[in-house]
Amino acid sequence: MSVERTIASVLAAAGAEGQVHVLDLDDPSREVAIGADEPVVLSSVFKVHLVLALLRAGDAGRDLTERVRVGAERTPGSPGLAMLSDPVEISLRDLAVLSLTVSDVAAADALFDALGGEPALREPLAPLGLRATSLHGCCRDLFAAIAGEAERPVSRATPRDLTRLLALVWSDEAASADACAQLRALLHRQALRPRIAAGFLEPGWRVATKSGTLPGLRNDIGVVERDGHRHAVAVCVRTPEGTPPAPGDDALLGRIARLAVDSLTRR
């Protein structure tokens, strides 16, 4: 049985649907693709694009130690700045750390505003050829759209575009070599690791990821490395609306990623 059919069976057994793209970074002709060219809602995965936009601004001369004030009224919904009661003064690069390592929505929105909004967020798309990626707004805009409080598009990308983005970061082509190294380091510091990383727990694996979550939707993207093998992974899993969370929901993404990576390693 092909790995694609095996993954489809695993998803069906979990009552879920999914899209996958796994790419061998050292031989891009080797891939596993399931719905890889169909756009998915990014949720918090867009914070990778946001931090990349910041780092590219740094390449262009922006001082990333610049401090910004985040008022007491801020976007709720995650650990980080939203847990604090008082105004905070913080550097741009520390907002980036919080945005990626603990998926801090308040920090991400403050960073989005400090960069200048959507034009800055979209700046990397054209030069990097991410033509299947469409970025709209920040976390507060996404939450308003999902709640039906505002009619506006939400950020989307295909799994293939997401692995392309990772490939560009790992090859120092998404920005300067120093900026790409900083982004890789932040993704390796990810504190929320129950998804792709759950499939690679044995000693020797190195995993860098960023996840995103909405009701009925779990995303994770990242790069897994071991013994000289490097694979970019993008997995999106959806369950029917109203389905209660179940043990193993997050680990399902790790199982799918491991099946795909193992199949490429054996070929």
Protein backbone atom coordinates (compact mmCIF):
# COMPACT_ATOMS: atom_id res chain seq x y z
CA MET A 1 0.00 0.00 0.00
CA SER A 2 1.30 3.47 -0.87
CA VAL A 3 2.02 5.90 1.94
CA GLU A 4 -0.71 8.18 0.60
CA ARG A 5 -3.28 5.39 0.94
CA THR A 6 -1.98 4.54 4.40
CA ILE A 7 -2.34 8.16 5.52
CA ALA A 8 -5.83 8.33 4.03
CA SER A 9 -6.77 5.22 6.05
CA VAL A 10 -5.35 6.73 9.25
CA LEU A 11 -7.36 9.91 8.70
CA ALA A 12 -10.55 7.99 7.95
CA ALA A 13 -10.14 5.89 11.10
CA ALA A 14 -9.87 9.12 13.10
CA GLY A 15 -13.00 10.56 11.45
CA ALA A 16 -10.94 13.34 9.93
CA GLU A 17 -9.88 14.81 6.61
CA GLY A 18 -6.43 16.11 5.88
CA GLN A 19 -3.92 17.64 3.52
CA VAL A 20 -0.23 16.90 3.58
CA HIS A 21 2.95 17.93 1.86
CA VAL A 22 6.31 16.52 2.91
CA LEU A 23 9.40 17.51 0.94
CA ASP A 24 12.94 16.15 1.04
CA LEU A 25 14.96 19.36 1.37
CA ASP A 26 18.04 17.78 -0.16
CA ASP A 27 16.20 16.22 -3.10
CA PRO A 28 13.02 18.21 -3.85
CA SER A 29 11.94 15.63 -6.42
CA ARG A 30 11.05 13.38 -3.47
CA GLU A 31 7.76 14.28 -1.85
CA VAL A 32 4.53 13.01 -0.34
CA ALA A 33 1.50 15.03 -1.43
CA ILE A 34 -2.15 14.71 -0.43
CA GLY A 35 -4.27 17.72 -1.37
CA ALA A 36 -1.04 19.69 -1.38
CA ASP A 37 -2.31 22.33 -3.82
CA GLU A 38 -5.60 23.08 -2.06
CA PRO A 39 -5.52 26.20 0.18
CA VAL A 40 -5.95 25.77 3.94
CA VAL A 41 -6.74 28.37 6.60
CA LEU A 42 -3.43 29.22 8.23
CA SER A 43 -4.61 30.27 11.69
CA SER A 44 -1.48 30.95 13.80
CA VAL A 45 0.84 29.50 11.16
CA PHE A 46 0.74 32.98 9.57
CA LYS A 47 3.03 34.12 12.40
CA VAL A 48 5.92 32.51 10.53
CA HIS A 49 5.23 34.89 7.63
CA LEU A 50 4.85 37.77 10.09
CA VAL A 51 8.20 37.17 11.76
CA LEU A 52 9.86 36.67 8.37
CA ALA A 53 8.49 40.09 7.35
CA LEU A 54 10.06 41.57 10.49
CA LEU A 55 13.43 39.96 9.81
CA ARG A 56 13.41 41.14 6.20
CA ALA A 57 12.66 44.64 7.51
CA GLY A 58 15.73 44.22 9.70
CA ASP A 59 17.74 43.29 6.61
CA ALA A 60 16.54 46.57 5.08
CA GLY A 61 17.77 48.58 8.06
CA ARG A 62 14.94 48.50 10.63
CA ASP A 63 16.25 48.42 14.21
CA LEU A 64 14.76 45.25 15.70
CA THR A 65 15.61 46.44 19.21
CA GLU A 66 13.13 49.30 18.67
CA ARG A 67 10.71 49.34 21.57
CA VAL A 68 6.94 49.61 21.20
CA ARG A 69 4.25 50.15 23.80
CA VAL A 70 1.48 47.55 24.05
CA GLY A 71 -1.47 48.99 25.93
CA ALA A 72 -3.54 47.29 28.60
CA GLU A 73 -6.26 46.58 26.01
CA ARG A 74 -4.85 43.81 23.83
CA THR A 75 -5.92 40.72 21.90
CA PRO A 76 -6.91 37.91 24.30
CA GLY A 77 -6.66 34.21 23.67
CA SER A 78 -3.23 32.80 24.40
CA PRO A 79 -0.37 32.73 26.90
CA GLY A 80 1.93 35.74 26.86
CA LEU A 81 1.07 39.43 26.91
CA ALA A 82 -2.68 38.77 27.11
CA MET A 83 -2.13 37.30 30.59
CA LEU A 84 -0.76 40.62 31.90
CA SER A 85 -2.82 43.50 33.26
CA ASP A 86 -0.71 46.57 32.60
CA PRO A 87 0.81 48.30 29.57
CA VAL A 88 4.08 46.77 28.41
CA GLU A 89 7.08 48.21 26.58
CA ILE A 90 8.91 45.58 24.54
CA SER A 91 11.27 45.31 21.57
CA LEU A 92 10.19 44.21 18.11
CA ARG A 93 12.41 41.13 18.26
CA ASP A 94 10.95 40.09 21.62
CA LEU A 95 7.46 40.42 20.17
CA ALA A 96 8.65 37.99 17.48
CA VAL A 97 9.93 35.55 20.12
CA LEU A 98 6.57 35.53 21.90
CA SER A 99 4.64 35.29 18.63
CA LEU A 100 6.42 32.09 17.57
CA THR A 101 7.49 30.27 20.73
CA VAL A 102 4.19 30.49 22.66
CA SER A 103 1.97 31.66 19.76
CA ASP A 104 1.16 34.88 21.64
CA VAL A 105 -1.71 36.52 19.73
CA ALA A 106 -1.35 39.86 21.53
CA ALA A 107 2.35 40.00 20.65
CA ALA A 108 1.62 39.05 17.03
CA ASP A 109 -0.99 41.79 16.68
CA ALA A 110 1.34 44.37 18.24
CA LEU A 111 4.08 43.30 15.82
CA PHE A 112 1.68 43.45 12.87
CA ASP A 113 0.72 47.02 13.81
CA ALA A 114 4.33 48.12 14.39
CA LEU A 115 5.35 46.82 10.96
CA GLY A 116 2.57 48.72 9.20
CA GLY A 117 -0.14 46.09 8.72
CA GLU A 118 -0.95 44.01 5.66
CA PRO A 119 1.47 45.64 3.18
CA ALA A 120 4.43 44.67 5.38
CA LEU A 121 3.00 41.21 6.07
CA ARG A 122 2.68 40.52 2.35
CA GLU A 123 6.07 41.97 1.39
CA PRO A 124 7.88 38.57 1.26
CA LEU A 125 5.28 36.90 -0.98
CA ALA A 126 6.24 38.24 -4.41
CA PRO A 127 10.04 37.94 -4.18
CA LEU A 128 9.76 34.43 -2.74
CA GLY A 129 7.27 33.17 -5.33
CA LEU A 130 4.64 32.16 -2.76
CA ARG A 131 1.83 32.60 -5.26
CA ALA A 132 -0.63 30.27 -3.53
CA THR A 133 -0.38 32.20 -0.25
CA SER A 134 -2.87 34.94 0.60
CA LEU A 135 -2.33 36.91 3.82
CA HIS A 136 -5.08 39.02 5.39
CA GLY A 137 -5.04 40.85 8.70
CA CYS A 138 -3.82 39.65 12.07
CA CYS A 139 -5.16 37.56 14.95
CA ARG A 140 -7.90 39.97 16.02
CA ASP A 141 -9.16 40.06 12.42
CA LEU A 142 -9.15 36.27 12.18
CA PHE A 143 -11.08 35.93 15.44
CA ALA A 144 -13.66 38.49 14.30
CA ALA A 145 -14.12 36.67 10.99
CA ILE A 146 -14.50 33.26 12.64
CA ALA A 147 -17.02 34.69 15.15
CA GLY A 148 -19.05 36.22 12.32
CA GLU A 149 -18.41 39.73 13.61
CA ALA A 150 -16.73 40.88 10.41
CA GLU A 151 -16.90 39.81 6.80
CA ARG A 152 -13.35 39.64 5.56
CA PRO A 153 -11.02 37.06 4.02
CA VAL A 154 -8.66 35.10 6.24
CA SER A 155 -5.07 34.05 5.58
CA ARG A 156 -4.63 30.89 3.53
CA ALA A 157 -1.87 28.94 1.81
CA THR A 158 -1.40 25.55 0.22
CA PRO A 159 0.65 22.90 2.00
CA ARG A 160 3.05 23.02 -0.96
CA ASP A 161 3.58 26.77 -0.52
CA LEU A 162 4.23 26.20 3.19
CA THR A 163 6.95 23.64 2.57
CA ARG A 164 8.41 25.95 -0.07
CA LEU A 165 8.58 28.70 2.54
CA LEU A 166 10.39 26.36 4.94
CA ALA A 167 12.77 25.24 2.20
CA LEU A 168 13.66 28.87 1.48
CA VAL A 169 14.27 29.55 5.18
CA TRP A 170 16.48 26.46 5.56
CA SER A 171 18.50 27.37 2.45
CA ASP A 172 19.00 31.03 3.50
CA GLU A 173 17.00 32.24 0.49
CA ALA A 174 13.98 33.72 2.33
CA ALA A 175 16.06 36.59 3.74
CA SER A 176 19.68 37.17 4.70
CA ALA A 177 21.58 34.19 6.10
CA ASP A 178 21.52 35.77 9.57
CA ALA A 179 17.78 36.46 9.41
CA CYS A 180 17.03 32.90 8.26
CA ALA A 181 19.18 31.53 11.08
CA GLN A 182 17.21 33.63 13.58
CA LEU A 183 13.90 32.32 12.22
CA ARG A 184 15.11 28.71 12.34
CA ALA A 185 16.24 29.22 15.94
CA LEU A 186 12.82 30.57 16.94
CA LEU A 187 11.03 27.64 15.31
CA HIS A 188 13.32 25.24 17.19
CA ARG A 189 12.32 27.01 20.44
CA GLN A 190 8.61 26.29 19.88
CA ALA A 191 7.09 25.59 23.30
CA LEU A 192 3.89 24.02 21.93
CA ARG A 193 5.04 20.68 20.48
CA PRO A 194 2.21 18.10 20.60
CA ARG A 195 1.73 17.69 16.84
CA ILE A 196 4.47 17.04 14.26
CA ALA A 197 7.02 16.72 17.06
CA ALA A 198 4.98 13.90 18.64
CA GLY A 199 5.99 11.67 15.74
CA PHE A 200 9.71 12.18 16.26
CA LEU A 201 10.39 11.61 19.95
CA GLU A 202 13.34 9.22 19.67
CA PRO A 203 16.83 10.56 20.42
CA GLY A 204 18.55 12.10 17.42
CA TRP A 205 15.59 13.89 15.91
CA ARG A 206 15.65 17.69 15.71
CA VAL A 207 12.30 19.36 15.13
CA ALA A 208 11.33 22.98 14.40
CA THR A 209 7.60 23.73 14.11
CA LYS A 210 4.74 26.22 14.23
CA SER A 211 1.16 25.16 14.78
CA GLY A 212 -2.23 26.77 14.26
CA THR A 213 -5.62 25.94 15.74
CA LEU A 214 -9.25 26.83 15.14
CA PRO A 215 -12.44 24.91 15.96
CA GLY A 216 -12.28 21.70 13.93
CA LEU A 217 -8.88 22.63 12.46
CA ARG A 218 -5.35 21.65 13.45
CA ASN A 219 -2.33 22.74 11.42
CA ASP A 220 1.37 22.26 11.92
CA ILE A 221 4.36 23.01 9.74
CA GLY A 222 8.01 22.37 10.39
CA VAL A 223 11.31 20.75 9.52
CA VAL A 224 12.47 17.43 10.97
CA GLU A 225 16.14 16.42 10.79
CA ARG A 226 18.11 13.30 11.63
CA ASP A 227 21.29 11.63 10.36
CA GLY A 228 21.70 14.16 7.58
CA HIS A 229 18.11 13.82 6.34
CA ARG A 230 15.98 17.00 6.34
CA HIS A 231 12.29 17.10 5.52
CA ALA A 232 9.87 20.02 5.40
CA VAL A 233 6.40 19.06 6.61
CA ALA A 234 3.00 20.72 6.35
CA VAL A 235 -0.06 18.92 7.77
CA CYS A 236 -3.64 20.17 8.07
CA VAL A 237 -6.32 18.03 9.73
CA ARG A 238 -10.02 18.88 9.91
CA THR A 239 -12.79 17.23 11.93
CA PRO A 240 -16.55 17.78 11.46
CA GLU A 241 -17.94 20.92 13.09
CA GLY A 242 -19.05 20.23 16.65
CA THR A 243 -16.90 17.14 17.08
CA PRO A 244 -15.59 17.17 20.67
CA PRO A 245 -11.81 17.03 21.13
CA ALA A 246 -10.45 13.51 21.65
CA PRO A 247 -7.21 12.12 23.07
CA GLY A 248 -4.72 11.74 20.29
CA ASP A 249 -6.11 14.54 18.08
CA ASP A 250 -2.84 16.43 18.17
CA ALA A 251 -0.63 13.34 17.97
CA LEU A 252 -2.46 12.34 14.78
CA LEU A 253 -0.49 15.03 12.93
CA GLY A 254 2.75 13.54 14.23
CA ARG A 255 1.75 10.06 13.10
CA ILE A 256 0.95 11.34 9.61
CA ALA A 257 4.22 13.25 9.41
CA ARG A 258 6.22 10.22 10.53
CA LEU A 259 4.59 7.93 7.99
CA ALA A 260 5.45 10.37 5.21
CA VAL A 261 9.02 11.03 6.34
CA ASP A 262 9.75 7.34 6.87
CA SER A 263 8.47 6.54 3.38
CA LEU A 264 10.82 9.11 1.83
CA THR A 265 13.77 7.93 3.89
CA ARG A 266 13.28 4.34 2.77
CA ARG A 267 12.96 5.11 -0.96
